[in-house]
Amino acid sequence: MHIRSSLVVSNNAVAVHQDRLHALTRSGHVPAFYDLDRI
């Protein structure tokens, strides 16, 4: 059970960071100056 929970946590962390990065770099969106640090 511990192994499974470890995989779920790491998979969720990757998905969250990936979604955030895609949201900040979506097409048609020009990032603001403060968005560069977030990206």
PDB file of all heavy atoms in Angstrom:
ATOM      1  N   MET A   1       0.823  -1.180   0.000  1.00  0.00           N
ATOM      2  CA  MET A   1       0.000   0.000   0.000  1.00  0.00           C
ATOM      3  C   MET A   1       0.873   1.253   0.000  1.00  0.00           C
ATOM      4  O   MET A   1       0.535   2.229  -0.625  1.00  0.00           O
ATOM      5  CB  MET A   1      -0.865  -0.068   1.251  1.00  0.00           C
ATOM      6  CG  MET A   1      -2.266   0.394   1.124  1.00  0.00           C
ATOM      7  SD  MET A   1      -3.030   0.061  -0.433  1.00  0.00           S
ATOM      8  CE  MET A   1      -4.604   0.593  -0.039  1.00  0.00           C
ATOM      9  N   HIS A   2       2.004   1.188   0.726  1.00  0.00           N
ATOM     10  CA  HIS A   2       2.893   2.333   0.794  1.00  0.00           C
ATOM     11  C   HIS A   2       3.495   2.640  -0.579  1.00  0.00           C
ATOM     12  O   HIS A   2       3.627   3.807  -0.945  1.00  0.00           O
ATOM     13  CB  HIS A   2       3.992   2.071   1.816  1.00  0.00           C
ATOM     14  CG  HIS A   2       4.940   3.213   1.991  1.00  0.00           C
ATOM     15  ND1 HIS A   2       4.578   4.394   2.579  1.00  0.00           N
ATOM     16  CD2 HIS A   2       6.231   3.357   1.620  1.00  0.00           C
ATOM     17  CE1 HIS A   2       5.611   5.223   2.567  1.00  0.00           C
ATOM     18  NE2 HIS A   2       6.626   4.607   1.995  1.00  0.00           N
ATOM     19  N   ILE A   3       3.845   1.612  -1.316  1.00  0.00           N
ATOM     20  CA  ILE A   3       4.418   1.806  -2.650  1.00  0.00           C
ATOM     21  C   ILE A   3       3.400   2.456  -3.569  1.00  0.00           C
ATOM     22  O   ILE A   3       3.719   3.395  -4.304  1.00  0.00           O
ATOM     23  CB  ILE A   3       4.895   0.461  -3.230  1.00  0.00           C
ATOM     24  CG1 ILE A   3       6.084  -0.059  -2.428  1.00  0.00           C
ATOM     25  CG2 ILE A   3       5.259   0.582  -4.695  1.00  0.00           C
ATOM     26  CD1 ILE A   3       6.499  -1.454  -2.783  1.00  0.00           C
ATOM     27  N   ARG A   4       2.169   1.989  -3.508  1.00  0.00           N
ATOM     28  CA  ARG A   4       1.128   2.547  -4.352  1.00  0.00           C
ATOM     29  C   ARG A   4       0.886   4.014  -4.016  1.00  0.00           C
ATOM     30  O   ARG A   4       0.774   4.856  -4.905  1.00  0.00           O
ATOM     31  CB  ARG A   4      -0.168   1.755  -4.192  1.00  0.00           C
ATOM     32  CG  ARG A   4      -1.273   2.240  -5.097  1.00  0.00           C
ATOM     33  CD  ARG A   4      -2.565   1.452  -4.854  1.00  0.00           C
ATOM     34  NE  ARG A   4      -3.614   1.846  -5.737  1.00  0.00           N
ATOM     35  CZ  ARG A   4      -4.355   2.942  -5.586  1.00  0.00           C
ATOM     36  NH1 ARG A   4      -4.132   3.752  -4.582  1.00  0.00           N
ATOM     37  NH2 ARG A   4      -5.312   3.229  -6.432  1.00  0.00           N
ATOM     38  N   SER A   5       0.831   4.345  -2.744  1.00  0.00           N
ATOM     39  CA  SER A   5       0.589   5.739  -2.355  1.00  0.00           C
ATOM     40  C   SER A   5       1.753   6.627  -2.779  1.00  0.00           C
ATOM     41  O   SER A   5       1.558   7.774  -3.179  1.00  0.00           O
ATOM     42  CB  SER A   5       0.340   5.841  -0.859  1.00  0.00           C
ATOM     43  OG  SER A   5       1.471   5.435  -0.137  1.00  0.00           O
ATOM     44  N   SER A   6       2.971   6.105  -2.717  1.00  0.00           N
ATOM     45  CA  SER A   6       4.126   6.864  -3.172  1.00  0.00           C
ATOM     46  C   SER A   6       4.027   7.171  -4.669  1.00  0.00           C
ATOM     47  O   SER A   6       4.318   8.288  -5.101  1.00  0.00           O
ATOM     48  CB  SER A   6       5.397   6.088  -2.877  1.00  0.00           C
ATOM     49  OG  SER A   6       6.509   6.713  -3.463  1.00  0.00           O
ATOM     50  N   LEU A   7       3.614   6.175  -5.441  1.00  0.00           N
ATOM     51  CA  LEU A   7       3.458   6.399  -6.886  1.00  0.00           C
ATOM     52  C   LEU A   7       2.339   7.392  -7.183  1.00  0.00           C
ATOM     53  O   LEU A   7       2.465   8.232  -8.078  1.00  0.00           O
ATOM     54  CB  LEU A   7       3.186   5.074  -7.587  1.00  0.00           C
ATOM     55  CG  LEU A   7       4.355   4.124  -7.680  1.00  0.00           C
ATOM     56  CD1 LEU A   7       3.919   2.808  -8.292  1.00  0.00           C
ATOM     57  CD2 LEU A   7       5.475   4.736  -8.488  1.00  0.00           C
ATOM     58  N   VAL A   8       1.255   7.313  -6.433  1.00  0.00           N
ATOM     59  CA  VAL A   8       0.135   8.233  -6.649  1.00  0.00           C
ATOM     60  C   VAL A   8       0.553   9.662  -6.331  1.00  0.00           C
ATOM     61  O   VAL A   8       0.244  10.591  -7.087  1.00  0.00           O
ATOM     62  CB  VAL A   8      -1.090   7.804  -5.797  1.00  0.00           C
ATOM     63  CG1 VAL A   8      -2.142   8.881  -5.760  1.00  0.00           C
ATOM     64  CG2 VAL A   8      -1.674   6.517  -6.336  1.00  0.00           C
ATOM     65  N   VAL A   9       1.273   9.859  -5.234  1.00  0.00           N
ATOM     66  CA  VAL A   9       1.716  11.195  -4.850  1.00  0.00           C
ATOM     67  C   VAL A   9       2.658  11.776  -5.896  1.00  0.00           C
ATOM     68  O   VAL A   9       2.511  12.933  -6.306  1.00  0.00           O
ATOM     69  CB  VAL A   9       2.386  11.162  -3.451  1.00  0.00           C
ATOM     70  CG1 VAL A   9       3.121  12.448  -3.158  1.00  0.00           C
ATOM     71  CG2 VAL A   9       1.345  10.890  -2.390  1.00  0.00           C
ATOM     72  N   SER A  10       3.627  10.993  -6.343  1.00  0.00           N
ATOM     73  CA  SER A  10       4.578  11.508  -7.332  1.00  0.00           C
ATOM     74  C   SER A  10       3.893  11.774  -8.666  1.00  0.00           C
ATOM     75  O   SER A  10       4.191  12.768  -9.340  1.00  0.00           O
ATOM     76  CB  SER A  10       5.757  10.566  -7.503  1.00  0.00           C
ATOM     77  OG  SER A  10       5.344   9.347  -8.074  1.00  0.00           O
ATOM     78  N   ASN A  11       2.936  10.926  -9.041  1.00  0.00           N
ATOM     79  CA  ASN A  11       2.203  11.140 -10.287  1.00  0.00           C
ATOM     80  C   ASN A  11       1.359  12.408 -10.208  1.00  0.00           C
ATOM     81  O   ASN A  11       1.293  13.190 -11.169  1.00  0.00           O
ATOM     82  CB  ASN A  11       1.327   9.927 -10.595  1.00  0.00           C
ATOM     83  CG  ASN A  11       0.676  10.011 -11.954  1.00  0.00           C
ATOM     84  OD1 ASN A  11       1.286  10.496 -12.889  1.00  0.00           O
ATOM     85  ND2 ASN A  11      -0.546   9.528 -12.045  1.00  0.00           N
ATOM     86  N   ASN A  12       0.711  12.634  -9.073  1.00  0.00           N
ATOM     87  CA  ASN A  12      -0.093  13.847  -8.900  1.00  0.00           C
ATOM     88  C   ASN A  12       0.763  15.101  -8.911  1.00  0.00           C
ATOM     89  O   ASN A  12       0.363  16.130  -9.462  1.00  0.00           O
ATOM     90  CB  ASN A  12      -0.909  13.776  -7.613  1.00  0.00           C
ATOM     91  CG  ASN A  12      -2.054  12.809  -7.712  1.00  0.00           C
ATOM     92  OD1 ASN A  12      -2.482  12.438  -8.806  1.00  0.00           O
ATOM     93  ND2 ASN A  12      -2.550  12.368  -6.571  1.00  0.00           N
ATOM     94  N   ALA A  13       1.945  15.038  -8.310  1.00  0.00           N
ATOM     95  CA  ALA A  13       2.841  16.196  -8.305  1.00  0.00           C
ATOM     96  C   ALA A  13       3.264  16.548  -9.722  1.00  0.00           C
ATOM     97  O   ALA A  13       3.265  17.728 -10.103  1.00  0.00           O
ATOM     98  CB  ALA A  13       4.060  15.911  -7.434  1.00  0.00           C
ATOM     99  N   VAL A  14       3.590  15.553 -10.509  1.00  0.00           N
ATOM    100  CA  VAL A  14       3.968  15.800 -11.902  1.00  0.00           C
ATOM    101  C   VAL A  14       2.793  16.408 -12.664  1.00  0.00           C
ATOM    102  O   VAL A  14       2.954  17.387 -13.414  1.00  0.00           O
ATOM    103  CB  VAL A  14       4.454  14.501 -12.586  1.00  0.00           C
ATOM    104  CG1 VAL A  14       4.572  14.677 -14.088  1.00  0.00           C
ATOM    105  CG2 VAL A  14       5.784  14.064 -11.995  1.00  0.00           C
ATOM    106  N   ALA A  15       1.605  15.862 -12.469  1.00  0.00           N
ATOM    107  CA  ALA A  15       0.428  16.363 -13.185  1.00  0.00           C
ATOM    108  C   ALA A  15       0.110  17.807 -12.809  1.00  0.00           C
ATOM    109  O   ALA A  15      -0.215  18.630 -13.683  1.00  0.00           O
ATOM    110  CB  ALA A  15      -0.772  15.472 -12.897  1.00  0.00           C
ATOM    111  N   VAL A  16       0.221  18.149 -11.536  1.00  0.00           N
ATOM    112  CA  VAL A  16      -0.069  19.520 -11.095  1.00  0.00           C
ATOM    113  C   VAL A  16       0.909  20.503 -11.712  1.00  0.00           C
ATOM    114  O   VAL A  16       0.510  21.556 -12.239  1.00  0.00           O
ATOM    115  CB  VAL A  16      -0.042  19.600  -9.543  1.00  0.00           C
ATOM    116  CG1 VAL A  16       0.023  21.036  -9.065  1.00  0.00           C
ATOM    117  CG2 VAL A  16      -1.251  18.902  -8.957  1.00  0.00           C
ATOM    118  N   HIS A  17       2.195  20.193 -11.651  1.00  0.00           N
ATOM    119  CA  HIS A  17       3.206  21.106 -12.212  1.00  0.00           C
ATOM    120  C   HIS A  17       3.075  21.204 -13.729  1.00  0.00           C
ATOM    121  O   HIS A  17       3.263  22.289 -14.304  1.00  0.00           O
ATOM    122  CB  HIS A  17       4.608  20.647 -11.821  1.00  0.00           C
ATOM    123  CG  HIS A  17       4.880  20.756 -10.361  1.00  0.00           C
ATOM    124  ND1 HIS A  17       4.791  21.938  -9.659  1.00  0.00           N
ATOM    125  CD2 HIS A  17       5.232  19.820  -9.451  1.00  0.00           C
ATOM    126  CE1 HIS A  17       5.081  21.729  -8.397  1.00  0.00           C
ATOM    127  NE2 HIS A  17       5.350  20.436  -8.236  1.00  0.00           N
ATOM    128  N   GLN A  18       2.731  20.099 -14.363  1.00  0.00           N
ATOM    129  CA  GLN A  18       2.549  20.117 -15.813  1.00  0.00           C
ATOM    130  C   GLN A  18       1.346  20.979 -16.199  1.00  0.00           C
ATOM    131  O   GLN A  18       1.431  21.782 -17.144  1.00  0.00           O
ATOM    132  CB  GLN A  18       2.357  18.686 -16.310  1.00  0.00           C
ATOM    133  CG  GLN A  18       2.800  18.454 -17.712  1.00  0.00           C
ATOM    134  CD  GLN A  18       2.850  16.958 -18.015  1.00  0.00           C
ATOM    135  OE1 GLN A  18       2.153  16.164 -17.388  1.00  0.00           O
ATOM    136  NE2 GLN A  18       3.674  16.582 -18.964  1.00  0.00           N
ATOM    137  N   ASP A  19       0.247  20.823 -15.496  1.00  0.00           N
ATOM    138  CA  ASP A  19      -0.939  21.636 -15.777  1.00  0.00           C
ATOM    139  C   ASP A  19      -0.659  23.116 -15.552  1.00  0.00           C
ATOM    140  O   ASP A  19      -1.094  23.967 -16.349  1.00  0.00           O
ATOM    141  CB  ASP A  19      -2.115  21.192 -14.896  1.00  0.00           C
ATOM    142  CG  ASP A  19      -2.678  19.849 -15.303  1.00  0.00           C
ATOM    143  OD1 ASP A  19      -2.378  19.386 -16.435  1.00  0.00           O
ATOM    144  OD2 ASP A  19      -3.405  19.241 -14.487  1.00  0.00           O
ATOM    145  N   ARG A  20       0.041  23.449 -14.479  1.00  0.00           N
ATOM    146  CA  ARG A  20       0.376  24.852 -14.206  1.00  0.00           C
ATOM    147  C   ARG A  20       1.250  25.422 -15.315  1.00  0.00           C
ATOM    148  O   ARG A  20       1.021  26.548 -15.790  1.00  0.00           O
ATOM    149  CB  ARG A  20       1.083  24.965 -12.868  1.00  0.00           C
ATOM    150  CG  ARG A  20       1.340  26.408 -12.459  1.00  0.00           C
ATOM    151  CD  ARG A  20       2.016  26.514 -11.118  1.00  0.00           C
ATOM    152  NE  ARG A  20       1.217  25.875 -10.086  1.00  0.00           N
ATOM    153  CZ  ARG A  20       1.722  25.224  -9.050  1.00  0.00           C
ATOM    154  NH1 ARG A  20       3.027  25.128  -8.908  1.00  0.00           N
ATOM    155  NH2 ARG A  20       0.948  24.682  -8.146  1.00  0.00           N
ATOM    156  N   LEU A  21       2.229  24.645 -15.759  1.00  0.00           N
ATOM    157  CA  LEU A  21       3.114  25.123 -16.819  1.00  0.00           C
ATOM    158  C   LEU A  21       2.362  25.295 -18.128  1.00  0.00           C
ATOM    159  O   LEU A  21       2.562  26.287 -18.854  1.00  0.00           O
ATOM    160  CB  LEU A  21       4.289  24.160 -16.986  1.00  0.00           C
ATOM    161  CG  LEU A  21       5.425  24.627 -17.880  1.00  0.00           C
ATOM    162  CD1 LEU A  21       6.060  25.897 -17.332  1.00  0.00           C
ATOM    163  CD2 LEU A  21       6.475  23.535 -18.001  1.00  0.00           C
ATOM    164  N   HIS A  22       1.457  24.356 -18.447  1.00  0.00           N
ATOM    165  CA  HIS A  22       0.660  24.482 -19.673  1.00  0.00           C
ATOM    166  C   HIS A  22      -0.275  25.680 -19.599  1.00  0.00           C
ATOM    167  O   HIS A  22      -0.505  26.361 -20.611  1.00  0.00           O
ATOM    168  CB  HIS A  22      -0.130  23.201 -19.935  1.00  0.00           C
ATOM    169  CG  HIS A  22       0.709  22.094 -20.478  1.00  0.00           C
ATOM    170  ND1 HIS A  22       1.196  22.083 -21.760  1.00  0.00           N
ATOM    171  CD2 HIS A  22       1.147  20.953 -19.892  1.00  0.00           C
ATOM    172  CE1 HIS A  22       1.903  20.981 -21.952  1.00  0.00           C
ATOM    173  NE2 HIS A  22       1.892  20.281 -20.834  1.00  0.00           N
ATOM    174  N   ALA A  23      -0.827  25.951 -18.431  1.00  0.00           N
ATOM    175  CA  ALA A  23      -1.718  27.105 -18.288  1.00  0.00           C
ATOM    176  C   ALA A  23      -0.959  28.411 -18.476  1.00  0.00           C
ATOM    177  O   ALA A  23      -1.488  29.371 -19.053  1.00  0.00           O
ATOM    178  CB  ALA A  23      -2.391  27.075 -16.919  1.00  0.00           C
ATOM    179  N   LEU A  24       0.284  28.465 -17.993  1.00  0.00           N
ATOM    180  CA  LEU A  24       1.076  29.688 -18.129  1.00  0.00           C
ATOM    181  C   LEU A  24       1.630  29.876 -19.532  1.00  0.00           C
ATOM    182  O   LEU A  24       1.956  31.005 -19.924  1.00  0.00           O
ATOM    183  CB  LEU A  24       2.223  29.675 -17.114  1.00  0.00           C
ATOM    184  CG  LEU A  24       1.827  29.809 -15.646  1.00  0.00           C
ATOM    185  CD1 LEU A  24       3.032  29.546 -14.751  1.00  0.00           C
ATOM    186  CD2 LEU A  24       1.243  31.182 -15.380  1.00  0.00           C
ATOM    187  N   THR A  25       1.743  28.798 -20.296  1.00  0.00           N
ATOM    188  CA  THR A  25       2.336  28.893 -21.641  1.00  0.00           C
ATOM    189  C   THR A  25       1.359  28.515 -22.738  1.00  0.00           C
ATOM    190  O   THR A  25       1.780  28.099 -23.811  1.00  0.00           O
ATOM    191  CB  THR A  25       3.578  27.989 -21.721  1.00  0.00           C
ATOM    192  OG1 THR A  25       3.193  26.641 -21.451  1.00  0.00           O
ATOM    193  CG2 THR A  25       4.658  28.444 -20.757  1.00  0.00           C
ATOM    194  N   ARG A  26       0.061  28.647 -22.478  1.00  0.00           N
ATOM    195  CA  ARG A  26      -0.928  28.260 -23.485  1.00  0.00           C
ATOM    196  C   ARG A  26      -0.789  29.140 -24.724  1.00  0.00           C
ATOM    197  O   ARG A  26      -0.301  30.279 -24.660  1.00  0.00           O
ATOM    198  CB  ARG A  26      -2.335  28.324 -22.897  1.00  0.00           C
ATOM    199  CG  ARG A  26      -2.774  29.699 -22.509  1.00  0.00           C
ATOM    200  CD  ARG A  26      -4.141  29.671 -21.825  1.00  0.00           C
ATOM    201  NE  ARG A  26      -4.559  31.000 -21.460  1.00  0.00           N
ATOM    202  CZ  ARG A  26      -4.286  31.592 -20.307  1.00  0.00           C
ATOM    203  NH1 ARG A  26      -3.573  30.964 -19.394  1.00  0.00           N
ATOM    204  NH2 ARG A  26      -4.713  32.812 -20.068  1.00  0.00           N
ATOM    205  N   SER A  27      -1.225  28.610 -25.838  1.00  0.00           N
ATOM    206  CA  SER A  27      -1.088  29.339 -27.094  1.00  0.00           C
ATOM    207  C   SER A  27      -2.043  30.542 -27.107  1.00  0.00           C
ATOM    208  O   SER A  27      -3.133  30.497 -26.561  1.00  0.00           O
ATOM    209  CB  SER A  27      -1.388  28.425 -28.281  1.00  0.00           C
ATOM    210  OG  SER A  27      -2.724  27.981 -28.208  1.00  0.00           O
ATOM    211  N   GLY A  28      -1.606  31.597 -27.724  1.00  0.00           N
ATOM    212  CA  GLY A  28      -2.402  32.813 -27.802  1.00  0.00           C
ATOM    213  C   GLY A  28      -2.299  33.670 -26.557  1.00  0.00           C
ATOM    214  O   GLY A  28      -2.906  34.732 -26.481  1.00  0.00           O
ATOM    215  N   HIS A  29      -1.562  33.238 -25.565  1.00  0.00           N
ATOM    216  CA  HIS A  29      -1.413  33.991 -24.314  1.00  0.00           C
ATOM    217  C   HIS A  29      -0.008  34.559 -24.254  1.00  0.00           C
ATOM    218  O   HIS A  29       0.980  33.847 -24.372  1.00  0.00           O
ATOM    219  CB  HIS A  29      -1.654  33.068 -23.115  1.00  0.00           C
ATOM    220  CG  HIS A  29      -1.365  33.715 -21.800  1.00  0.00           C
ATOM    221  ND1 HIS A  29      -2.182  34.675 -21.245  1.00  0.00           N
ATOM    222  CD2 HIS A  29      -0.347  33.539 -20.911  1.00  0.00           C
ATOM    223  CE1 HIS A  29      -1.680  35.063 -20.078  1.00  0.00           C
ATOM    224  NE2 HIS A  29      -0.567  34.371 -19.867  1.00  0.00           N
ATOM    225  N   VAL A  30       0.069  35.855 -24.075  1.00  0.00           N
ATOM    226  CA  VAL A  30       1.361  36.507 -23.923  1.00  0.00           C
ATOM    227  C   VAL A  30       1.592  36.686 -22.421  1.00  0.00           C
ATOM    228  O   VAL A  30       0.824  37.384 -21.752  1.00  0.00           O
ATOM    229  CB  VAL A  30       1.385  37.876 -24.633  1.00  0.00           C
ATOM    230  CG1 VAL A  30       2.716  38.579 -24.418  1.00  0.00           C
ATOM    231  CG2 VAL A  30       1.090  37.717 -26.109  1.00  0.00           C
ATOM    232  N   PRO A  31       2.614  36.036 -21.913  1.00  0.00           N
ATOM    233  CA  PRO A  31       2.830  36.124 -20.459  1.00  0.00           C
ATOM    234  C   PRO A  31       3.291  37.516 -20.045  1.00  0.00           C
ATOM    235  O   PRO A  31       4.030  38.190 -20.767  1.00  0.00           O
ATOM    236  CB  PRO A  31       3.917  35.088 -20.183  1.00  0.00           C
ATOM    237  CG  PRO A  31       4.573  34.842 -21.481  1.00  0.00           C
ATOM    238  CD  PRO A  31       3.588  35.164 -22.549  1.00  0.00           C
ATOM    239  N   ALA A  32       2.834  37.924 -18.911  1.00  0.00           N
ATOM    240  CA  ALA A  32       3.266  39.201 -18.344  1.00  0.00           C
ATOM    241  C   ALA A  32       4.654  39.028 -17.730  1.00  0.00           C
ATOM    242  O   ALA A  32       5.160  37.904 -17.592  1.00  0.00           O
ATOM    243  CB  ALA A  32       2.268  39.666 -17.287  1.00  0.00           C
ATOM    244  N   PHE A  33       5.246  40.148 -17.353  1.00  0.00           N
ATOM    245  CA  PHE A  33       6.596  40.100 -16.806  1.00  0.00           C
ATOM    246  C   PHE A  33       6.650  39.247 -15.544  1.00  0.00           C
ATOM    247  O   PHE A  33       7.575  38.468 -15.349  1.00  0.00           O
ATOM    248  CB  PHE A  33       7.086  41.527 -16.517  1.00  0.00           C
ATOM    249  CG  PHE A  33       8.458  41.564 -15.942  1.00  0.00           C
ATOM    250  CD1 PHE A  33       9.568  41.322 -16.746  1.00  0.00           C
ATOM    251  CD2 PHE A  33       8.659  41.825 -14.593  1.00  0.00           C
ATOM    252  CE1 PHE A  33      10.833  41.346 -16.233  1.00  0.00           C
ATOM    253  CE2 PHE A  33       9.940  41.839 -14.057  1.00  0.00           C
ATOM    254  CZ  PHE A  33      11.028  41.604 -14.872  1.00  0.00           C
ATOM    255  N   TYR A  34       5.685  39.376 -14.660  1.00  0.00           N
ATOM    256  CA  TYR A  34       5.684  38.600 -13.416  1.00  0.00           C
ATOM    257  C   TYR A  34       5.408  37.114 -13.677  1.00  0.00           C
ATOM    258  O   TYR A  34       5.706  36.271 -12.849  1.00  0.00           O
ATOM    259  CB  TYR A  34       4.682  39.157 -12.403  1.00  0.00           C
ATOM    260  CG  TYR A  34       3.254  39.164 -12.874  1.00  0.00           C
ATOM    261  CD1 TYR A  34       2.442  38.059 -12.673  1.00  0.00           C
ATOM    262  CD2 TYR A  34       2.715  40.277 -13.509  1.00  0.00           C
ATOM    263  CE1 TYR A  34       1.126  38.052 -13.104  1.00  0.00           C
ATOM    264  CE2 TYR A  34       1.401  40.275 -13.938  1.00  0.00           C
ATOM    265  CZ  TYR A  34       0.615  39.167 -13.735  1.00  0.00           C
ATOM    266  OH  TYR A  34      -0.686  39.158 -14.166  1.00  0.00           O
ATOM    267  N   ASP A  35       4.817  36.770 -14.845  1.00  0.00           N
ATOM    268  CA  ASP A  35       4.569  35.369 -15.184  1.00  0.00           C
ATOM    269  C   ASP A  35       5.863  34.623 -15.531  1.00  0.00           C
ATOM    270  O   ASP A  35       5.906  33.396 -15.422  1.00  0.00           O
ATOM    271  CB  ASP A  35       3.613  35.267 -16.374  1.00  0.00           C
ATOM    272  CG  ASP A  35       2.168  35.520 -15.990  1.00  0.00           C
ATOM    273  OD1 ASP A  35       1.855  35.408 -14.786  1.00  0.00           O
ATOM    274  OD2 ASP A  35       1.358  35.809 -16.894  1.00  0.00           O
ATOM    275  N   LEU A  36       6.894  35.361 -15.939  1.00  0.00           N
ATOM    276  CA  LEU A  36       8.144  34.701 -16.314  1.00  0.00           C
ATOM    277  C   LEU A  36       8.760  33.955 -15.124  1.00  0.00           C
ATOM    278  O   LEU A  36       9.277  32.851 -15.271  1.00  0.00           O
ATOM    279  CB  LEU A  36       9.125  35.715 -16.907  1.00  0.00           C
ATOM    280  CG  LEU A  36       8.661  36.383 -18.213  1.00  0.00           C
ATOM    281  CD1 LEU A  36       9.696  37.403 -18.668  1.00  0.00           C
ATOM    282  CD2 LEU A  36       8.441  35.341 -19.282  1.00  0.00           C
ATOM    283  N   ASP A  37       8.721  34.561 -13.949  1.00  0.00           N
ATOM    284  CA  ASP A  37       9.227  33.872 -12.753  1.00  0.00           C
ATOM    285  C   ASP A  37       8.375  32.650 -12.433  1.00  0.00           C
ATOM    286  O   ASP A  37       8.894  31.605 -12.035  1.00  0.00           O
ATOM    287  CB  ASP A  37       9.246  34.818 -11.552  1.00  0.00           C
ATOM    288  CG  ASP A  37      10.359  35.844 -11.645  1.00  0.00           C
ATOM    289  OD1 ASP A  37      11.354  35.565 -12.350  1.00  0.00           O
ATOM    290  OD2 ASP A  37      10.227  36.907 -11.014  1.00  0.00           O
ATOM    291  N   ARG A  38       7.067  32.770 -12.578  1.00  0.00           N
ATOM    292  CA  ARG A  38       6.175  31.635 -12.310  1.00  0.00           C
ATOM    293  C   ARG A  38       6.411  30.509 -13.310  1.00  0.00           C
ATOM    294  O   ARG A  38       6.390  29.327 -12.943  1.00  0.00           O
ATOM    295  CB  ARG A  38       4.720  32.088 -12.355  1.00  0.00           C
ATOM    296  CG  ARG A  38       4.365  32.983 -11.170  1.00  0.00           C
ATOM    297  CD  ARG A  38       2.999  33.591 -11.261  1.00  0.00           C
ATOM    298  NE  ARG A  38       1.963  32.590 -11.449  1.00  0.00           N
ATOM    299  CZ  ARG A  38       0.723  32.887 -11.807  1.00  0.00           C
ATOM    300  NH1 ARG A  38       0.354  34.137 -11.997  1.00  0.00           N
ATOM    301  NH2 ARG A  38      -0.165  31.933 -11.961  1.00  0.00           N
ATOM    302  N   ILE A  39       6.658  30.862 -14.570  1.00  0.00           N
ATOM    303  CA  ILE A  39       6.935  29.846 -15.598  1.00  0.00           C
ATOM    304  C   ILE A  39       8.242  29.120 -15.271  1.00  0.00           C
ATOM    305  O   ILE A  39       8.318  27.889 -15.324  1.00  0.00           O
ATOM    306  CB  ILE A  39       6.989  30.491 -17.007  1.00  0.00           C
ATOM    307  CG1 ILE A  39       5.605  30.956 -17.433  1.00  0.00           C
ATOM    308  CG2 ILE A  39       7.571  29.524 -18.028  1.00  0.00           C
ATOM    309  CD1 ILE A  39       5.595  31.802 -18.690  1.00  0.00           C
TER     310      ILE A  39
END
